[in-house]
Amino acid sequence: MSLRDQSSIVLRNIIRSYYKKRPLQPPPEIHKREIALESLEDGAYLRHLSFAYMDRLYEYILSKKTPLHLYYSSALYENPSAQPMEAKGWLGSELIFDIDADKYQGCGESYYVCIKDNQVYDVKPDSCKSGGKPLEIPLLSWDCVRRALEEAVKLKDILTSDLGFKDVKIFFSGNRGFHVRVSDESVLTLNSEERRLIADYVSCENLDQERVFPTYRFKREERVVFSNVEYGLRRRVKLEAEKAGILRKDRLRNEEVFTISVDELSIMLQSVCVSIDKVVTMDLSRLSRFVGSLNCKSGLKIVEVSDVSKFMDFTYKDLSPFKGKISVTPLVDFPGLPIYGNRIDLRKGVKMELDAEDALYVVLKGLAHLYNIKSLEVKA
């Protein structure tokens, strides 16, 4: 048996040891949802699965297919296992938003690794010298993840304060971003176009700026005018301008008003609008990761962010469900490998002992094989 096959068996045992603890948070009406997963055993992406209750799902992932990634549909269906999609009988979908940390300045850089060539590049090569595509290893720091959470919190405020939704939750994706889910009954039957309009509103795309923020001339300068009481996007821009100390008192038609310049408006819009993946929000059959499942791009778990300040104090190590040490055999020389801002040195073929969360990260990225997991434990 090859080292790669041995490592895969050990990884399967690690993943199953976690799911034996039954950590998954069941979605409402699971019997009406499509289940999907990416299988460790064969790398297959399996869709159109359906389970009447959670016991059946656990039985499947503990004895048949070990999930690297485990999903359920945001949609409810009459027959969730039916194919093609049109045969499922769509009943409605939750409203999903996706915020990724890699879009921020300084958060999107990566290293590129050619394992067989034992080469690490900071600029992506067209291909490895030995053939094939290089592995991409993100440089992203945990501060980038915190920044994405700030955007998710901003989005939740828009959805509740501006649009009046009640059941809005934030979830860490287990890798580098957040999902915001609206489960109000009123959103379930929205079509894709209606969801696009909501996405446009929160992101300020297709904004008719002249209509929403008309300008008036004050001493040869065009300025945007606000009254004492504002609502929606105008309320948020006014509050942000006040916070920034740029809101100026003026008089218009013998009334006291508040104004900012047109250039200042552009800056404020960047602050109050949220950049999202609109395709995710418009998709009526979008898959969501199970809360409590593992994201095997990183080895971290998907969790609900119910306490934002507490999450801000976390590091990636707090979101690993494992503790102890794991021995690995690196497949490449990689000094200063970044793991959410932390750095470790890999030397090809030289066995090393790492904290469980770091070891799983390098193995899941394809940079090392598992060697020894004797001290590994699943956290309570």
Protein backbone atom coordinates (compact mmCIF):
# COMPACT_ATOMS: atom_id res chain seq x y z
CA MET A 1 0.00 0.00 0.00
CA SER A 2 1.37 3.40 -0.96
CA LEU A 3 2.01 6.18 1.57
CA ARG A 4 -0.75 8.15 -0.13
CA ASP A 5 -3.27 5.33 0.36
CA GLN A 6 -2.18 4.87 3.98
CA SER A 7 -2.58 8.60 4.60
CA SER A 8 -6.07 8.52 3.06
CA ILE A 9 -7.13 5.69 5.38
CA VAL A 10 -5.83 7.59 8.42
CA LEU A 11 -7.66 10.73 7.25
CA ARG A 12 -10.86 8.72 6.87
CA ASN A 13 -10.50 7.52 10.46
CA ILE A 14 -9.99 11.10 11.67
CA ILE A 15 -13.06 12.40 9.85
CA ARG A 16 -15.23 9.52 11.00
CA SER A 17 -14.05 9.92 14.60
CA TYR A 18 -15.42 13.45 14.43
CA TYR A 19 -18.78 12.52 12.93
CA LYS A 20 -19.23 9.73 15.48
CA LYS A 21 -19.75 12.56 17.98
CA ARG A 22 -22.89 13.51 15.96
CA PRO A 23 -21.93 17.21 15.69
CA LEU A 24 -24.28 18.20 12.85
CA GLN A 25 -27.05 20.73 13.37
CA PRO A 26 -30.06 19.35 11.49
CA PRO A 27 -31.70 21.80 9.08
CA PRO A 28 -35.48 22.19 9.41
CA GLU A 29 -37.42 19.60 7.40
CA ILE A 30 -34.37 17.61 6.34
CA HIS A 31 -36.64 15.10 4.58
CA LYS A 32 -37.51 17.84 2.06
CA ARG A 33 -33.90 18.77 1.28
CA GLU A 34 -31.39 17.44 -1.21
CA ILE A 35 -28.18 16.21 0.45
CA ALA A 36 -24.83 16.31 -1.34
CA LEU A 37 -21.24 15.48 -0.47
CA GLU A 38 -17.74 15.13 -1.85
CA SER A 39 -16.45 11.67 -1.05
CA LEU A 40 -12.96 11.04 0.36
CA GLU A 41 -12.91 7.50 -0.99
CA ASP A 42 -13.16 8.35 -4.69
CA GLY A 43 -13.30 12.15 -4.91
CA ALA A 44 -16.79 11.90 -6.41
CA TYR A 45 -19.28 14.73 -5.93
CA LEU A 46 -22.55 13.03 -5.02
CA ARG A 47 -25.84 14.89 -5.36
CA HIS A 48 -29.55 14.04 -5.28
CA LEU A 49 -29.28 12.17 -1.98
CA SER A 50 -32.16 12.25 0.49
CA PHE A 51 -32.53 11.09 4.09
CA ALA A 52 -35.74 10.93 6.07
CA TYR A 53 -33.96 11.73 9.31
CA MET A 54 -30.48 12.38 10.71
CA ASP A 55 -29.80 8.80 11.88
CA ARG A 56 -29.88 7.64 8.26
CA LEU A 57 -27.47 10.39 7.22
CA TYR A 58 -25.01 9.49 9.99
CA GLU A 59 -25.22 5.83 9.00
CA TYR A 60 -24.35 6.77 5.42
CA ILE A 61 -21.35 9.00 6.19
CA LEU A 62 -19.93 6.65 8.84
CA SER A 63 -20.13 3.44 6.83
CA LYS A 64 -20.38 4.24 3.12
CA LYS A 65 -19.01 7.60 1.98
CA THR A 66 -16.73 9.74 4.13
CA PRO A 67 -17.51 13.41 3.42
CA LEU A 68 -14.78 15.91 2.71
CA HIS A 69 -17.63 18.40 2.32
CA LEU A 70 -21.25 17.89 3.36
CA TYR A 71 -24.16 19.98 2.07
CA TYR A 72 -27.93 20.34 2.14
CA SER A 73 -30.09 22.35 -0.21
CA SER A 74 -31.35 25.80 0.73
CA ALA A 75 -34.46 24.69 -1.15
CA LEU A 76 -37.31 22.49 0.04
CA TYR A 77 -38.60 19.90 -2.43
CA GLU A 78 -41.49 17.47 -2.73
CA ASN A 79 -39.06 14.77 -3.90
CA PRO A 80 -35.48 15.90 -3.13
CA SER A 81 -33.77 12.81 -4.61
CA ALA A 82 -35.47 13.12 -8.00
CA GLN A 83 -33.52 13.86 -11.19
CA PRO A 84 -33.34 16.14 -13.11
CA MET A 85 -33.75 19.23 -10.92
CA GLU A 86 -37.10 20.08 -12.52
CA ALA A 87 -38.54 16.78 -11.23
CA LYS A 88 -37.88 17.56 -7.57
CA GLY A 89 -40.96 19.76 -7.12
CA TRP A 90 -39.59 23.04 -5.75
CA LEU A 91 -41.46 24.31 -2.67
CA GLY A 92 -39.31 27.32 -1.76
CA SER A 93 -35.76 28.37 -0.87
CA GLU A 94 -34.06 30.20 1.96
CA LEU A 95 -32.20 33.37 1.00
CA ILE A 96 -28.42 32.88 1.04
CA PHE A 97 -25.56 35.40 0.89
CA ASP A 98 -21.87 34.58 0.53
CA ILE A 99 -19.03 36.79 1.73
CA ASP A 100 -15.45 35.71 0.99
CA ALA A 101 -12.35 37.20 2.63
CA ASP A 102 -10.08 36.80 -0.39
CA LYS A 103 -11.58 39.80 -2.21
CA TYR A 104 -10.12 42.36 0.22
CA GLN A 105 -6.84 44.13 -0.44
CA GLY A 106 -3.95 42.04 0.83
CA CYS A 107 -6.15 38.98 1.30
CA GLY A 108 -6.16 37.42 -2.16
CA GLU A 109 -2.51 36.48 -2.67
CA SER A 110 -1.39 32.86 -2.92
CA TYR A 111 1.66 30.62 -3.24
CA TYR A 112 1.73 27.92 -5.90
CA VAL A 113 3.33 24.54 -5.27
CA CYS A 114 4.55 21.88 -7.71
CA ILE A 115 4.97 18.81 -5.52
CA LYS A 116 6.89 16.58 -7.96
CA ASP A 117 9.26 19.43 -8.81
CA ASN A 118 9.69 20.43 -5.14
CA GLN A 119 9.07 24.03 -6.14
CA VAL A 120 7.14 26.89 -4.51
CA TYR A 121 6.20 29.97 -6.58
CA ASP A 122 4.73 33.32 -5.59
CA VAL A 123 3.50 33.85 -9.16
CA LYS A 124 1.28 31.17 -10.70
CA PRO A 125 3.08 29.20 -13.42
CA ASP A 126 1.13 28.02 -16.45
CA SER A 127 1.96 24.46 -15.44
CA CYS A 128 4.45 22.48 -13.40
CA LYS A 129 7.67 21.37 -15.13
CA SER A 130 6.71 17.76 -14.46
CA GLY A 131 3.24 18.37 -15.88
CA GLY A 132 -0.08 19.08 -14.21
CA LYS A 133 -1.40 22.09 -12.35
CA PRO A 134 0.24 23.63 -9.27
CA LEU A 135 -1.48 23.52 -5.88
CA GLU A 136 -2.72 26.92 -4.68
CA ILE A 137 -1.93 27.80 -1.07
CA PRO A 138 -3.61 31.03 0.13
CA LEU A 139 -1.62 33.66 2.01
CA LEU A 140 -4.79 34.84 3.75
CA SER A 141 -4.41 35.88 7.40
CA TRP A 142 -7.00 35.48 10.14
CA ASP A 143 -7.42 39.27 10.16
CA CYS A 144 -8.88 38.90 6.66
CA VAL A 145 -11.46 36.48 8.06
CA ARG A 146 -12.32 38.99 10.79
CA ARG A 147 -12.79 41.66 8.14
CA ALA A 148 -15.21 39.40 6.28
CA LEU A 149 -17.16 38.92 9.52
CA GLU A 150 -17.49 42.70 9.88
CA GLU A 151 -19.07 42.73 6.42
CA ALA A 152 -21.40 39.87 7.36
CA VAL A 153 -22.53 41.79 10.45
CA LYS A 154 -23.12 44.86 8.29
CA LEU A 155 -25.18 42.73 5.90
CA LYS A 156 -27.27 41.32 8.74
CA ASP A 157 -28.04 44.86 9.92
CA ILE A 158 -29.22 45.83 6.42
CA LEU A 159 -31.42 42.75 6.17
CA THR A 160 -33.04 43.32 9.56
CA SER A 161 -33.12 47.13 9.87
CA ASP A 162 -33.78 48.09 6.24
CA LEU A 163 -35.68 45.09 4.90
CA GLY A 164 -37.38 43.90 8.08
CA PHE A 165 -36.31 40.24 8.02
CA LYS A 166 -36.36 38.50 11.40
CA ASP A 167 -34.69 35.09 11.05
CA VAL A 168 -31.19 36.08 9.90
CA LYS A 169 -28.11 34.10 10.94
CA ILE A 170 -24.38 34.29 10.22
CA PHE A 171 -22.25 31.17 9.72
CA PHE A 172 -18.49 30.76 9.39
CA SER A 173 -17.90 28.67 6.26
CA GLY A 174 -15.03 26.71 7.79
CA ASN A 175 -12.46 28.21 5.45
CA ARG A 176 -12.22 31.91 4.61
CA GLY A 177 -15.69 33.41 4.57
CA PHE A 178 -19.20 33.62 5.92
CA HIS A 179 -22.70 32.71 4.84
CA VAL A 180 -25.69 34.80 5.88
CA ARG A 181 -28.98 32.93 5.76
CA VAL A 182 -32.50 34.40 5.85
CA SER A 183 -35.15 31.81 6.75
CA ASP A 184 -38.23 34.04 7.09
CA GLU A 185 -41.28 32.43 5.52
CA SER A 186 -41.70 35.53 3.34
CA VAL A 187 -38.48 34.80 1.38
CA LEU A 188 -39.14 31.15 0.57
CA THR A 189 -41.11 31.71 -2.63
CA LEU A 190 -39.10 34.64 -4.00
CA ASN A 191 -37.98 34.03 -7.57
CA SER A 192 -34.45 34.64 -8.86
CA GLU A 193 -35.23 38.14 -10.13
CA GLU A 194 -36.66 39.19 -6.76
CA ARG A 195 -33.56 37.82 -5.06
CA ARG A 196 -31.40 39.76 -7.52
CA LEU A 197 -33.13 42.99 -6.49
CA ILE A 198 -32.32 42.27 -2.84
CA ALA A 199 -28.71 41.50 -3.79
CA ASP A 200 -28.54 44.79 -5.72
CA TYR A 201 -29.89 46.68 -2.72
CA VAL A 202 -27.38 45.36 -0.17
CA SER A 203 -24.44 45.72 -2.59
CA CYS A 204 -25.58 49.08 -4.08
CA GLU A 205 -25.23 47.66 -7.58
CA ASN A 206 -27.35 49.34 -10.25
CA LEU A 207 -27.97 52.19 -7.81
CA ASP A 208 -29.71 55.22 -9.34
CA GLN A 209 -27.54 57.61 -7.38
CA GLU A 210 -29.06 60.83 -8.74
CA ARG A 211 -32.54 59.66 -7.71
CA VAL A 212 -31.64 58.31 -4.27
CA PHE A 213 -29.11 61.04 -3.45
CA PRO A 214 -30.14 64.22 -5.31
CA THR A 215 -27.75 67.14 -4.98
CA TYR A 216 -28.28 70.85 -4.34
CA ARG A 217 -25.91 73.74 -4.87
CA PHE A 218 -24.39 75.39 -1.81
CA LYS A 219 -21.99 78.26 -2.54
CA ARG A 220 -20.91 76.88 -5.93
CA GLU A 221 -20.63 73.29 -4.66
CA GLU A 222 -23.02 70.42 -5.32
CA ARG A 223 -23.81 68.62 -2.07
CA VAL A 224 -26.03 65.71 -1.02
CA VAL A 225 -28.75 66.73 1.43
CA PHE A 226 -30.13 64.77 4.40
CA SER A 227 -33.01 65.64 6.71
CA ASN A 228 -33.22 64.94 10.44
CA VAL A 229 -34.89 61.55 9.91
CA GLU A 230 -33.80 59.21 7.13
CA TYR A 231 -34.52 55.59 6.26
CA GLY A 232 -32.83 52.68 4.51
CA LEU A 233 -29.66 53.36 2.56
CA ARG A 234 -29.90 57.12 3.16
CA ARG A 235 -30.07 56.51 6.93
CA ARG A 236 -26.96 54.35 6.81
CA VAL A 237 -25.00 56.84 4.70
CA LYS A 238 -25.95 59.70 7.01
CA LEU A 239 -24.91 57.72 10.12
CA GLU A 240 -21.61 56.76 8.51
CA ALA A 241 -20.93 60.38 7.53
CA GLU A 242 -21.71 61.52 11.06
CA LYS A 243 -19.36 58.87 12.44
CA ALA A 244 -16.64 60.05 10.04
CA GLY A 245 -17.13 63.67 11.15
CA ILE A 246 -17.95 64.95 7.65
CA LEU A 247 -21.68 65.68 8.09
CA ARG A 248 -22.13 69.44 7.76
CA LYS A 249 -25.06 71.56 8.91
CA ASP A 250 -26.53 73.76 6.18
CA ARG A 251 -29.75 75.58 5.43
CA LEU A 252 -31.99 74.84 2.47
CA ARG A 253 -35.22 76.79 1.87
CA ASN A 254 -35.08 78.12 5.45
CA GLU A 255 -34.78 74.60 6.91
CA GLU A 256 -31.83 73.09 8.73
CA VAL A 257 -30.36 70.18 6.77
CA PHE A 258 -27.22 68.05 6.79
CA THR A 259 -24.94 67.71 3.78
CA ILE A 260 -21.90 65.91 2.41
CA SER A 261 -20.02 66.42 -0.85
CA VAL A 262 -20.49 64.15 -3.86
CA ASP A 263 -16.96 62.78 -3.41
CA GLU A 264 -17.69 62.04 0.24
CA LEU A 265 -20.86 60.21 -0.80
CA SER A 266 -18.79 57.84 -2.95
CA ILE A 267 -16.57 57.04 0.03
CA MET A 268 -19.56 56.52 2.32
CA LEU A 269 -21.23 54.15 -0.16
CA GLN A 270 -18.09 52.01 -0.15
CA SER A 271 -18.39 51.82 3.63
CA VAL A 272 -22.09 50.98 3.96
CA CYS A 273 -22.62 48.68 0.95
CA VAL A 274 -21.66 45.01 1.09
CA SER A 275 -19.88 43.13 -1.69
CA ILE A 276 -21.48 39.71 -2.17
CA ASP A 277 -21.52 36.91 -4.72
CA LYS A 278 -24.82 37.75 -6.42
CA VAL A 279 -24.98 34.37 -8.19
CA VAL A 280 -25.24 32.62 -4.81
CA THR A 281 -28.16 34.79 -3.71
CA MET A 282 -30.09 34.30 -6.96
CA ASP A 283 -29.63 30.51 -7.03
CA LEU A 284 -32.87 28.75 -6.00
CA SER A 285 -31.15 25.37 -5.62
CA ARG A 286 -28.05 26.55 -3.77
CA LEU A 287 -26.33 24.06 -1.48
CA SER A 288 -25.32 25.10 2.05
CA ARG A 289 -22.76 23.44 4.28
CA PHE A 290 -24.13 21.57 7.26
CA VAL A 291 -23.56 23.52 10.45
CA GLY A 292 -21.13 21.44 12.50
CA SER A 293 -19.63 19.73 9.45
CA LEU A 294 -15.95 19.85 8.46
CA ASN A 295 -14.70 22.00 5.62
CA CYS A 296 -11.89 19.82 4.31
CA LYS A 297 -10.22 22.66 2.49
CA SER A 298 -8.97 23.66 5.93
CA GLY A 299 -10.04 21.07 8.52
CA LEU A 300 -12.09 23.67 10.39
CA LYS A 301 -15.77 23.33 11.26
CA ILE A 302 -18.78 25.31 10.11
CA VAL A 303 -20.25 27.22 13.07
CA GLU A 304 -22.99 29.75 13.67
CA VAL A 305 -21.65 33.13 14.78
CA SER A 306 -24.08 33.96 17.57
CA ASP A 307 -21.58 36.05 19.57
CA VAL A 308 -19.65 38.33 17.21
CA SER A 309 -17.26 39.78 19.81
CA LYS A 310 -16.34 36.28 21.01
CA PHE A 311 -15.67 35.12 17.45
CA MET A 312 -13.49 38.18 16.84
CA ASP A 313 -11.25 36.96 19.68
CA PHE A 314 -10.93 33.49 18.13
CA THR A 315 -8.06 32.25 16.01
CA TYR A 316 -8.34 29.42 13.50
CA LYS A 317 -7.13 27.03 16.21
CA ASP A 318 -10.32 27.68 18.20
CA LEU A 319 -12.42 26.46 15.26
CA SER A 320 -10.70 23.13 14.84
CA PRO A 321 -12.63 20.25 16.44
CA PHE A 322 -9.37 18.41 17.12
CA LYS A 323 -6.64 18.68 19.73
CA GLY A 324 -3.33 16.97 20.33
CA LYS A 325 -0.41 16.31 18.01
CA ILE A 326 -0.18 14.66 14.60
CA SER A 327 2.98 13.48 12.86
CA VAL A 328 3.23 14.16 9.13
CA THR A 329 5.72 13.60 6.32
CA PRO A 330 6.03 16.73 4.14
CA LEU A 331 6.09 16.22 0.37
CA VAL A 332 7.83 19.50 -0.43
CA ASP A 333 10.30 22.01 0.98
CA PHE A 334 8.19 24.98 2.01
CA PRO A 335 9.82 27.41 4.46
CA GLY A 336 7.29 29.78 5.98
CA LEU A 337 4.12 27.97 4.89
CA PRO A 338 1.26 30.35 5.82
CA ILE A 339 -1.69 29.01 7.81
CA TYR A 340 -4.08 31.92 8.47
CA GLY A 341 -1.12 34.16 9.24
CA ASN A 342 0.78 31.56 11.27
CA ARG A 343 3.97 30.20 9.68
CA ILE A 344 5.56 26.74 9.75
CA ASP A 345 8.55 25.27 7.92
CA LEU A 346 8.18 22.06 5.91
CA ARG A 347 11.18 19.96 4.84
CA LYS A 348 10.55 17.31 2.25
CA GLY A 349 10.68 13.77 3.67
CA VAL A 350 11.53 14.93 7.20
CA LYS A 351 8.85 13.70 9.62
CA MET A 352 7.56 16.37 11.97
CA GLU A 353 5.00 16.68 14.76
CA LEU A 354 2.47 19.49 14.48
CA ASP A 355 -0.58 20.72 16.36
CA ALA A 356 -3.60 18.81 15.06
CA GLU A 357 -5.14 21.79 13.24
CA ASP A 358 -1.88 22.64 11.45
CA ALA A 359 -1.19 19.03 10.49
CA LEU A 360 -4.65 18.56 9.02
CA TYR A 361 -4.34 21.80 7.08
CA VAL A 362 -1.09 20.77 5.35
CA VAL A 363 -2.44 17.26 4.64
CA LEU A 364 -5.73 18.54 3.21
CA LYS A 365 -3.79 21.00 1.03
CA GLY A 366 -1.86 18.05 -0.41
CA LEU A 367 1.49 19.12 1.08
CA ALA A 368 2.07 16.16 3.43
CA HIS A 369 1.03 12.62 4.31
CA LEU A 370 -0.33 11.63 7.71
CA TYR A 371 2.08 9.52 9.75
CA ASN A 372 0.97 9.17 13.38
CA ILE A 373 -2.24 10.29 15.15
CA LYS A 374 -1.85 8.52 18.49
CA SER A 375 -2.36 11.67 20.57
CA LEU A 376 -5.23 13.06 18.47
CA GLU A 377 -8.53 13.73 20.25
CA VAL A 378 -11.88 15.16 19.23
CA LYS A 379 -12.72 18.15 21.41
CA ALA A 380 -15.76 17.78 23.65
